[in-house]
């Protein structure tokens, strides 16, 4: 898999339990945070139900409830701030790296832009059997969700953030 030049991963590629990177050419350049805001402003149909199910099942195994994406806008976010349940690890015009970590797995979502090319790269390290089990349904679902988000961006179905 060819990764974007500036993509950041949660761990070295050989240590990952999951890696997916998808990209789309947009009609005009955007900044990484702007792309995140546009996508999160109008979540895909069914995402609220998916997060509710995730929380209902995962909470039984000691995983914190995350509730999903709020669509709330954080003004001038910095490293160390949160965008919903994600911690901002890196932010500049070209790269937005977000992490979520718990005893079962560590996740990084990295939004990168280079000119009009936008990519979303997700990487995961699992720590135990529950983390591995969790990724069985999440891995294919995540690929479809990112594909759908990028498709909506390409078609211009989402307003600019």
C-alpha atoms as a PDB file:
ATOM      1  CA  UNK A   1       0.000   0.000   0.000  1.00  0.00           C
ATOM      2  CA  UNK A   2       1.315   3.399  -1.005  1.00  0.00           C
ATOM      3  CA  UNK A   3       0.981   5.836   1.889  1.00  0.00           C
ATOM      4  CA  UNK A   4       0.773   9.609   1.462  1.00  0.00           C
ATOM      5  CA  UNK A   5       4.134  11.324   1.909  1.00  0.00           C
ATOM      6  CA  UNK A   6       3.179  13.003   5.204  1.00  0.00           C
ATOM      7  CA  UNK A   7       0.974  10.273   6.677  1.00  0.00           C
ATOM      8  CA  UNK A   8       1.684   9.460  10.306  1.00  0.00           C
ATOM      9  CA  UNK A   9       1.078   6.014  11.799  1.00  0.00           C
ATOM     10  CA  UNK A  10       0.416   4.930  15.386  1.00  0.00           C
ATOM     11  CA  UNK A  11       3.408   2.543  15.214  1.00  0.00           C
ATOM     12  CA  UNK A  12       5.852   1.146  12.649  1.00  0.00           C
ATOM     13  CA  UNK A  13       3.974  -0.541   9.809  1.00  0.00           C
ATOM     14  CA  UNK A  14       5.175  -4.038  10.787  1.00  0.00           C
ATOM     15  CA  UNK A  15       3.586  -3.670  14.240  1.00  0.00           C
ATOM     16  CA  UNK A  16       0.130  -2.670  12.972  1.00  0.00           C
ATOM     17  CA  UNK A  17      -2.960  -4.861  13.241  1.00  0.00           C
ATOM     18  CA  UNK A  18      -4.799  -2.593  10.776  1.00  0.00           C
ATOM     19  CA  UNK A  19      -3.748  -0.104   8.134  1.00  0.00           C
ATOM     20  CA  UNK A  20      -5.916   1.609   5.554  1.00  0.00           C
ATOM     21  CA  UNK A  21      -5.225   4.667   3.449  1.00  0.00           C
ATOM     22  CA  UNK A  22      -7.655   6.113   0.942  1.00  0.00           C
ATOM     23  CA  UNK A  23      -7.463   9.319  -1.022  1.00  0.00           C
ATOM     24  CA  UNK A  24      -9.449  11.548  -3.321  1.00  0.00           C
ATOM     25  CA  UNK A  25      -8.661  14.410  -5.669  1.00  0.00           C
ATOM     26  CA  UNK A  26     -10.688  17.493  -4.750  1.00  0.00           C
ATOM     27  CA  UNK A  27     -11.611  20.384  -7.042  1.00  0.00           C
ATOM     28  CA  UNK A  28      -9.638  22.856  -4.899  1.00  0.00           C
ATOM     29  CA  UNK A  29      -6.956  22.652  -2.211  1.00  0.00           C
ATOM     30  CA  UNK A  30      -8.053  22.447   1.436  1.00  0.00           C
ATOM     31  CA  UNK A  31      -6.250  22.389   4.758  1.00  0.00           C
ATOM     32  CA  UNK A  32      -6.280  19.180   6.785  1.00  0.00           C
ATOM     33  CA  UNK A  33      -8.399  20.646   9.606  1.00  0.00           C
ATOM     34  CA  UNK A  34     -10.818  22.155   7.100  1.00  0.00           C
ATOM     35  CA  UNK A  35     -11.299  18.740   5.470  1.00  0.00           C
ATOM     36  CA  UNK A  36     -11.954  17.149   8.894  1.00  0.00           C
ATOM     37  CA  UNK A  37     -14.500  19.832   9.752  1.00  0.00           C
ATOM     38  CA  UNK A  38     -16.337  19.424   6.451  1.00  0.00           C
ATOM     39  CA  UNK A  39     -16.609  15.652   6.870  1.00  0.00           C
ATOM     40  CA  UNK A  40     -17.585  15.801  10.551  1.00  0.00           C
ATOM     41  CA  UNK A  41     -20.176  18.564  10.050  1.00  0.00           C
ATOM     42  CA  UNK A  42     -22.554  16.041   8.478  1.00  0.00           C
ATOM     43  CA  UNK A  43     -21.817  12.466   9.570  1.00  0.00           C
ATOM     44  CA  UNK A  44     -22.910   9.592   7.362  1.00  0.00           C
ATOM     45  CA  UNK A  45     -26.397   8.190   7.959  1.00  0.00           C
ATOM     46  CA  UNK A  46     -26.278   5.355  10.466  1.00  0.00           C
ATOM     47  CA  UNK A  47     -23.152   6.541  12.280  1.00  0.00           C
ATOM     48  CA  UNK A  48     -25.053   7.455  15.459  1.00  0.00           C
ATOM     49  CA  UNK A  49     -26.489   3.926  15.612  1.00  0.00           C
ATOM     50  CA  UNK A  50     -23.071   2.391  14.921  1.00  0.00           C
ATOM     51  CA  UNK A  51     -21.494   4.342  17.796  1.00  0.00           C
ATOM     52  CA  UNK A  52     -24.387   3.477  20.097  1.00  0.00           C
ATOM     53  CA  UNK A  53     -23.854  -0.240  19.347  1.00  0.00           C
ATOM     54  CA  UNK A  54     -20.097   0.127  19.771  1.00  0.00           C
ATOM     55  CA  UNK A  55     -20.547   1.797  23.149  1.00  0.00           C
ATOM     56  CA  UNK A  56     -23.179  -0.697  24.360  1.00  0.00           C
ATOM     57  CA  UNK A  57     -20.955  -3.694  23.572  1.00  0.00           C
ATOM     58  CA  UNK A  58     -17.525  -2.263  24.379  1.00  0.00           C
ATOM     59  CA  UNK A  59     -18.541  -0.783  27.748  1.00  0.00           C
ATOM     60  CA  UNK A  60     -19.045  -4.344  29.021  1.00  0.00           C
ATOM     61  CA  UNK A  61     -15.301  -4.876  28.495  1.00  0.00           C
ATOM     62  CA  UNK A  62     -14.138  -1.736  30.262  1.00  0.00           C
ATOM     63  CA  UNK A  63     -13.897   0.471  27.194  1.00  0.00           C
ATOM     64  CA  UNK A  64     -14.946   4.088  27.676  1.00  0.00           C
ATOM     65  CA  UNK A  65     -18.059   5.213  25.845  1.00  0.00           C
ATOM     66  CA  UNK A  66     -17.220   7.656  23.067  1.00  0.00           C
ATOM     67  CA  UNK A  67     -20.671   8.642  21.859  1.00  0.00           C
ATOM     68  CA  UNK A  68     -19.600   9.347  18.293  1.00  0.00           C
ATOM     69  CA  UNK A  69     -18.957  12.580  16.486  1.00  0.00           C
ATOM     70  CA  UNK A  70     -20.673  15.682  17.828  1.00  0.00           C
ATOM     71  CA  UNK A  71     -20.002  18.021  14.932  1.00  0.00           C
ATOM     72  CA  UNK A  72     -18.855  20.595  17.503  1.00  0.00           C
ATOM     73  CA  UNK A  73     -16.306  23.028  16.140  1.00  0.00           C
ATOM     74  CA  UNK A  74     -13.184  23.712  18.218  1.00  0.00           C
ATOM     75  CA  UNK A  75     -11.733  27.129  17.420  1.00  0.00           C
ATOM     76  CA  UNK A  76      -7.960  27.158  16.855  1.00  0.00           C
ATOM     77  CA  UNK A  77      -7.310  23.597  18.066  1.00  0.00           C
ATOM     78  CA  UNK A  78      -3.797  22.774  19.257  1.00  0.00           C
ATOM     79  CA  UNK A  79      -1.793  19.642  20.011  1.00  0.00           C
ATOM     80  CA  UNK A  80      -3.231  18.169  23.211  1.00  0.00           C
ATOM     81  CA  UNK A  81      -6.784  19.397  22.545  1.00  0.00           C
ATOM     82  CA  UNK A  82      -9.612  16.995  21.742  1.00  0.00           C
ATOM     83  CA  UNK A  83     -11.803  16.707  18.695  1.00  0.00           C
ATOM     84  CA  UNK A  84     -14.615  14.619  20.147  1.00  0.00           C
ATOM     85  CA  UNK A  85     -12.955  11.433  21.474  1.00  0.00           C
ATOM     86  CA  UNK A  86      -9.714  11.960  19.535  1.00  0.00           C
ATOM     87  CA  UNK A  87      -6.586  13.604  20.973  1.00  0.00           C
ATOM     88  CA  UNK A  88      -4.771  15.938  18.572  1.00  0.00           C
ATOM     89  CA  UNK A  89      -1.194  14.633  18.237  1.00  0.00           C
ATOM     90  CA  UNK A  90      -0.114  16.848  15.311  1.00  0.00           C
ATOM     91  CA  UNK A  91      -1.743  19.703  13.438  1.00  0.00           C
ATOM     92  CA  UNK A  92      -0.587  21.914  10.609  1.00  0.00           C
ATOM     93  CA  UNK A  93      -2.000  22.890   7.210  1.00  0.00           C
ATOM     94  CA  UNK A  94      -1.059  19.556   5.609  1.00  0.00           C
ATOM     95  CA  UNK A  95      -1.447  17.044   8.458  1.00  0.00           C
ATOM     96  CA  UNK A  96      -3.992  16.398  11.188  1.00  0.00           C
ATOM     97  CA  UNK A  97      -3.125  13.367  13.331  1.00  0.00           C
ATOM     98  CA  UNK A  98      -5.637  12.192  15.898  1.00  0.00           C
ATOM     99  CA  UNK A  99      -5.355   9.322  18.370  1.00  0.00           C
ATOM    100  CA  UNK A 100      -7.553   7.321  20.703  1.00  0.00           C
ATOM    101  CA  UNK A 101      -5.848   4.930  23.097  1.00  0.00           C
ATOM    102  CA  UNK A 102      -7.093   2.422  25.659  1.00  0.00           C
ATOM    103  CA  UNK A 103      -6.018  -0.886  27.196  1.00  0.00           C
ATOM    104  CA  UNK A 104      -7.316  -2.824  24.166  1.00  0.00           C
ATOM    105  CA  UNK A 105      -5.984  -0.836  21.203  1.00  0.00           C
ATOM    106  CA  UNK A 106      -4.395   2.371  19.992  1.00  0.00           C
ATOM    107  CA  UNK A 107      -5.823   4.121  16.929  1.00  0.00           C
ATOM    108  CA  UNK A 108      -4.488   6.937  14.778  1.00  0.00           C
ATOM    109  CA  UNK A 109      -6.470   8.719  12.092  1.00  0.00           C
ATOM    110  CA  UNK A 110      -4.293  10.943   9.946  1.00  0.00           C
ATOM    111  CA  UNK A 111      -5.741  13.414   7.460  1.00  0.00           C
ATOM    112  CA  UNK A 112      -3.190  14.622   4.929  1.00  0.00           C
ATOM    113  CA  UNK A 113      -3.451  17.060   2.058  1.00  0.00           C
ATOM    114  CA  UNK A 114      -1.043  17.749  -0.739  1.00  0.00           C
ATOM    115  CA  UNK A 115      -2.386  20.213  -3.268  1.00  0.00           C
ATOM    116  CA  UNK A 116      -5.853  18.937  -4.125  1.00  0.00           C
ATOM    117  CA  UNK A 117      -5.128  15.369  -2.981  1.00  0.00           C
ATOM    118  CA  UNK A 118      -6.752  14.500   0.351  1.00  0.00           C
ATOM    119  CA  UNK A 119      -6.028  11.221   2.150  1.00  0.00           C
ATOM    120  CA  UNK A 120      -7.315   9.588   5.296  1.00  0.00           C
ATOM    121  CA  UNK A 121      -4.978   7.011   6.792  1.00  0.00           C
ATOM    122  CA  UNK A 122      -5.998   4.861   9.752  1.00  0.00           C
ATOM    123  CA  UNK A 123      -3.607   2.683  11.736  1.00  0.00           C
ATOM    124  CA  UNK A 124      -4.278   0.449  14.726  1.00  0.00           C
ATOM    125  CA  UNK A 125      -2.224  -1.525  17.216  1.00  0.00           C
ATOM    126  CA  UNK A 126      -4.128  -4.093  19.264  1.00  0.00           C
ATOM    127  CA  UNK A 127      -3.031  -5.029  22.785  1.00  0.00           C
ATOM    128  CA  UNK A 128      -5.146  -8.066  23.636  1.00  0.00           C
ATOM    129  CA  UNK A 129      -7.832 -10.484  22.481  1.00  0.00           C
ATOM    130  CA  UNK A 130     -10.623  -7.931  22.861  1.00  0.00           C
ATOM    131  CA  UNK A 131      -8.764  -5.437  20.670  1.00  0.00           C
ATOM    132  CA  UNK A 132      -8.316  -8.100  17.991  1.00  0.00           C
ATOM    133  CA  UNK A 133     -11.964  -9.177  18.277  1.00  0.00           C
ATOM    134  CA  UNK A 134     -13.117  -5.544  18.130  1.00  0.00           C
ATOM    135  CA  UNK A 135     -11.287  -5.027  14.842  1.00  0.00           C
ATOM    136  CA  UNK A 136     -13.030  -7.957  13.094  1.00  0.00           C
ATOM    137  CA  UNK A 137     -16.197  -5.946  12.331  1.00  0.00           C
ATOM    138  CA  UNK A 138     -14.587  -2.514  12.595  1.00  0.00           C
ATOM    139  CA  UNK A 139     -11.889  -3.023   9.924  1.00  0.00           C
ATOM    140  CA  UNK A 140     -14.214  -3.634   6.959  1.00  0.00           C
ATOM    141  CA  UNK A 141     -16.757  -1.102   8.245  1.00  0.00           C
ATOM    142  CA  UNK A 142     -14.063   1.557   8.585  1.00  0.00           C
ATOM    143  CA  UNK A 143     -12.954   1.071   4.972  1.00  0.00           C
ATOM    144  CA  UNK A 144     -16.514   1.541   3.718  1.00  0.00           C
ATOM    145  CA  UNK A 145     -17.116   4.574   5.945  1.00  0.00           C
ATOM    146  CA  UNK A 146     -13.942   6.339   4.774  1.00  0.00           C
ATOM    147  CA  UNK A 147     -14.731   5.466   1.146  1.00  0.00           C
ATOM    148  CA  UNK A 148     -18.219   6.984   1.536  1.00  0.00           C
ATOM    149  CA  UNK A 149     -16.874  10.130   3.234  1.00  0.00           C
ATOM    150  CA  UNK A 150     -14.322  10.693   0.495  1.00  0.00           C
ATOM    151  CA  UNK A 151     -16.940  10.046  -2.185  1.00  0.00           C
ATOM    152  CA  UNK A 152     -19.200  12.703  -0.634  1.00  0.00           C
ATOM    153  CA  UNK A 153     -16.295  15.161  -0.580  1.00  0.00           C
ATOM    154  CA  UNK A 154     -15.417  14.467  -4.210  1.00  0.00           C
ATOM    155  CA  UNK A 155     -19.030  14.952  -5.284  1.00  0.00           C
ATOM    156  CA  UNK A 156     -19.225  18.202  -3.373  1.00  0.00           C
ATOM    157  CA  UNK A 157     -22.138  16.932  -1.259  1.00  0.00           C
ATOM    158  CA  UNK A 158     -20.730  18.492   1.901  1.00  0.00           C
ATOM    159  CA  UNK A 159     -20.548  22.209   2.581  1.00  0.00           C
ATOM    160  CA  UNK A 160     -17.167  23.764   3.251  1.00  0.00           C
ATOM    161  CA  UNK A 161     -16.135  23.978   6.925  1.00  0.00           C
END
